[in-house]
Amino acid sequence: MTQAANQKSPVAGDEQSLPKTYQPEAHEERIRERWLASGAFHADPARVLSGERKPYSVVIPPPNVTGALHLGHALNNTLQDILVRAHRMMGFEAMWMPGADHAGIATQTVVEKRLIEEGHPARIKWKREDFVAKVQDWKDEYEERIKGQLLAMGCSCDWDRWRFTMDEVCARAVREAFFRLFQDGLIYRGKRLVNWDPVTQTALADDEVEMEEVDGHFYYLRYPLVKKDGSELSVTLPGDETIKHVTVATTRPETYLGDTAVAVNPKDPRWEALQGAGAHVKLPFVGRVIPVIADDYVVMAAADPDAPGTDPKAKFATGFLKVTPAHDPNDWEIGQRHTLEAINVMAPDASISDQHGWSDVREAGQWLGMSREDARKAIVTAFKKDGLLEDVKPHRHSVGHSYRSHVPIEPYLSDQWYVKVTDDRLRGSAQRAVAKEQRTSDTHPPRPGEKGDDAMRFFPERYAKMYESWHDNIRDWCISRQLWWGHRIPVWSAPEGDAEAAATLKDILKRLDDRMDIHVRGGAKDDDAEQSGLHVCIRSDDDPVIPELESAGFVRDADVLDTWFSSALWPLSTMGWPDPDANEETKGLIDAFNPTSVLSTAREIITLWVSRMVMFNRYLTDDHRVPFHHVYIHMVVQDGEGKRMSKSAGNGVDPLDIIHSHGADAMRFTLCQMATQTQDVRMPVERDPESGRNTSPKFDIGKRFCNKLWNAARFTMMMLGEAEDEGSSGAPPSPPENIADYSLVDRWMLSRLAGAVKQAEAALADYQFAAYAENIYDLMWRDFCDWYLEAVKPTIKKDAGQQAVLRAALGSILRLLHPVCPFVTEAVAESFQPLARRGAPAPGVELGDFEMLCTAPWPVVDASLHSENVEARFERLRELVSMIRDVRERQQVPPRRRVTLHVEKALAQEIAEAGGMVETLAGLEKVETGGDPERASAFRFQGAECRLSGLVDEADAGAAQDAERERLQKRIEDLDKSISVMEKRLGNPGYVDKAPAQLVEQSKSQLAAQKSEREAAAASLEKLK
């Protein structure tokens, strides 16, 4: 059995002393079980709806059920937990909704890969329901793992309300949202060019495409000029140049197989001659005759490609653009303007194919079945062999890649379902949601009386601009995915012209009369899409009309919805929308907790997720409310070299490894301390030689901090216990009621507490997590441990006021620190609180009693306790103590030796008024005024000369004097050099006249201080001669 297992853990009401060391593994699981058993994190919407409490709610960004959580999850969930725990202690009804995302593409891909590795056939050979069952098994396994990791991190979620994006409650919300959007014309089907992932073989939204710089080439291909009938053609251009071909420049020669035009800019001098000749070109090997057209999009060739300021595109341009509408988004737009045919020459796996709309194959049949990469090489070789390859130039350019498979996406012509996010009901509503002072554009001004307008703020504010800019250039959202794992699209379709299907549908609709849970679209066209055929959207999967439709030839769409569709409903679906009263665990949640208080997330999903949640929440709620009042964008943790952490790169850090090696609180405090307002922070990653796992020395900071708190608490409890023992013979004395009757150090501690509580509240309100951590770090380590505990040691037993302040200080620190370090503070509180209950409170400090710290009241410290005057007096004496300690350290005075301080009368009086604080902290025997003791060490304190005597034994005086003479001589020499440099600087008119006045004054002050110090050192040296 380990030492940790043998270590007895304190329980509520146990007043035993804390063990000597804090061992997280001895406490975390036990404390976590106490929290869960008590129901401390379960929110009651009735308390909000009755007005008893104000709401504070957060929905967790649901992690994907594809694997373990990483350090980014640990960071974000720590920050959310800090906010939730703090507001719970502040008296809010706090609800943190947990859950997980089904992550369609990612999960299906990883499960399919695993099945193949286990010897199973590829997905396409499975029955759909059997494969989905396998994915469900994976989901169940990893969902439990994710729950365990969040619990290990200390997350105070409302665990009874765990949601999954495909569970029954969320599925109902997805179905309802789709139906309403379909019914209102905001979902449509259209044949368009989509971003196609040839590996996962599904469409991707624009936001799922990541641009990467790649090294490629421009290939210059010659297309012979012909007449419309295909006969050869020569064209005489301005300047009497005669041409028989045009040269196009392309980075993707394989797509030439789908060319349906060659375009030239109408301003190009060659256009008039080509137009007059009725010019066409014939595609080599294919034989297709295609027109030469004019379009303003075409970049004209640069007259001098090497001239400064030349358009980079013009440097490579020939002035002739091959137009492939089915395989390039810009060409698609040209094709729409000129009604060009779109010929798809690829299969879904991006191999060359004549099975998807290409018929005039001819000699190009030699490339059928090749991958796009192999076809590129073969086509270039063929062009070169026939003298049709004019040139090849290297070119580095940006290429879209799939965020999931990381291969180049293929622009692909396909029938897909879209959400019309460009509609003002969605885009405009999302834009108007941003607080007026954060908007930079008035393209979507707020509407009078609209509840959700101006209701959402970004932290840091700069991300509001990113959100706004993206909406300005948004395109309709492709929501269909060619997958099996996900929410299947609830639309049944029949081909246009199917008389039997149309007749059956007509009969059904007549029988249903005004039923509002079925909606039909078909045969209509609008600006955005072709609605070919009949499309029937049904609100519920168990509607009895479905079998009738299917028997009449209607077929349900095989595609599933983009994962982000269900994620966009997360603030609504998790709370039971559209019918929250249908389930006990969701009853009252929408009215009590939507809008939520804050969304904490990463900047890369502002467009993928944040925007769409705003659109859907506002559109689907009657009062158009925003899904959250605040959006906090946290920084990204990178490794020590500024690289993004990842398991595949070998630089990732597993949160569970850190919890096992350092404890959850150490990890949480370190991450909180790093959470600045910058975009990225670096964390050096090292390999732990014992475990072989990645770690970081940064986490040692958090571990030392937790140990410091533990030791300070042990010392505090020991002192308070001894004080109780001292007064056990009679009734405990009452502390003074008037704050003026307390010592300087006690008033200073109370002032620091008042300031720290105010600063903590302000930091959390502004999402300044690093400032919150630093504030508490300074309060606990510097103020409480380094100064206050040391100052009260000699007097605490007999000073009831000091005992009250000490209890208030530790009680406040535990509460302030609990949101970021919940385990160690809860463990300390279990032993400390019984002791704290028995003592009288300090004036102006309200802490309140509790059974568990996680539900304890937030500390309330009267603002009047904060005194700038008291803190300034204390800081002045602390500086004096530090200077005395420096002298003692230089002269190697043993800590137990008491020395005498000789000062001026005014300073002596000030020290006396501090009630022995300076004597205790500086190791003084006494303080005397005047006198000129032998072998005293002199120093200056804020202009006043001070001396310390009794630093050494008489027997050691000679050696000590020699050492001090040597030290003083060396210091005088250093000061002389510094004084000389400073006098030259101030004697230079150029510096005095041109340097900022503040800098000149600073230099003068430094010179005066150095001269004063030299004078004191010289006087001390003279006395030692």
Foldseek 3Di string as FASTA:
>chain_A
DDPLVVDDFFFFPDQDFHPQFDDQVNFQVVVLVVCVVVLLLAFDLVCQVVVVAAAFEEEALAAELLAEDFLVSLLLLLLVLLLQLLVLQQGHRYAYAYEHFPQFLRLLVSLQVVCVVVVHDGPVPDDLVVSLVSSVVSSVVSRVVHVVVSSQLVRSHSVVLYDYCPDPLLLLVLLQLLLVLVQVVQKAKFWAWFFADLVSLKGDWPLQWDKDKDKFKKWKFKWFKDAPVLHFDWWQFPVRDIDGTAIFIDRQVLLLLQFAEKEAAPVPRRVVRCVVRNIWTADPQLRDTHGYYHDNVFDDADPDLPDPPDDPVNNRGHRIHGAALFWDPVSVVVCVVVVTDHAFQADSNQAGHCPGHNDSCGRVVVRGPHHSVVSRVVVSVVSVVVVGTDDMGMDIDMFIAGNNPRHGTTGGTDIFMWGQCLDCLFLLLLLQQDAPVLDDDCPRHDDPPQVRGNQAAEVVSVLNVVLNVQSVPDGITGWWIQGSPAAFAQKWWDAPPLVQLVVLVVVVCVVVPPDDQKDKDEPDDDPPHHRGTIIMGGSDPPPPCVVSNVVSPIDGDNTHTHSLSSLLCSLPSSLSPPCNVVDPSNPSCCVNAFLHAEYEEASSCCPSHVSSNLRSCQSVDPSRHGNYRYYYHWAAEPEQVRHHDDVVVVQTAHLVVCCNVQNSLLSLLLSLLQGASDRYDYFHWDQDPPPRGIDGCSSVVSSVLLRLLSNLLSLLSVLLVLLCVLPVVDDDDAADQDPVPDFLLLLLLLQLLLVLLVQLVVCSVSVRRSSLSVSLSCSRPPSRPVANSLQCVVPSSPHLLSNQSSLLSSLQSLLSSCSRRVRSSQSSCSNSQVSSVPGDHHHQWDFDHDSTSSSTHHIGGDNVSNDPVSNVLVVLLVVVLVVLVVVLVLLVQDLQFAKEKEWAPVVLVSCVSNPCRSCRSNRHPYYHYDDDDAPWDWFDRPNTIMTIPPRDDPVCSVVSLVSLLVVLVVLLVVLVVVLVVLVVQLVDPVNCVPPDPVVSVVSVVVNVVSVSGSVRSVVNNVSSD
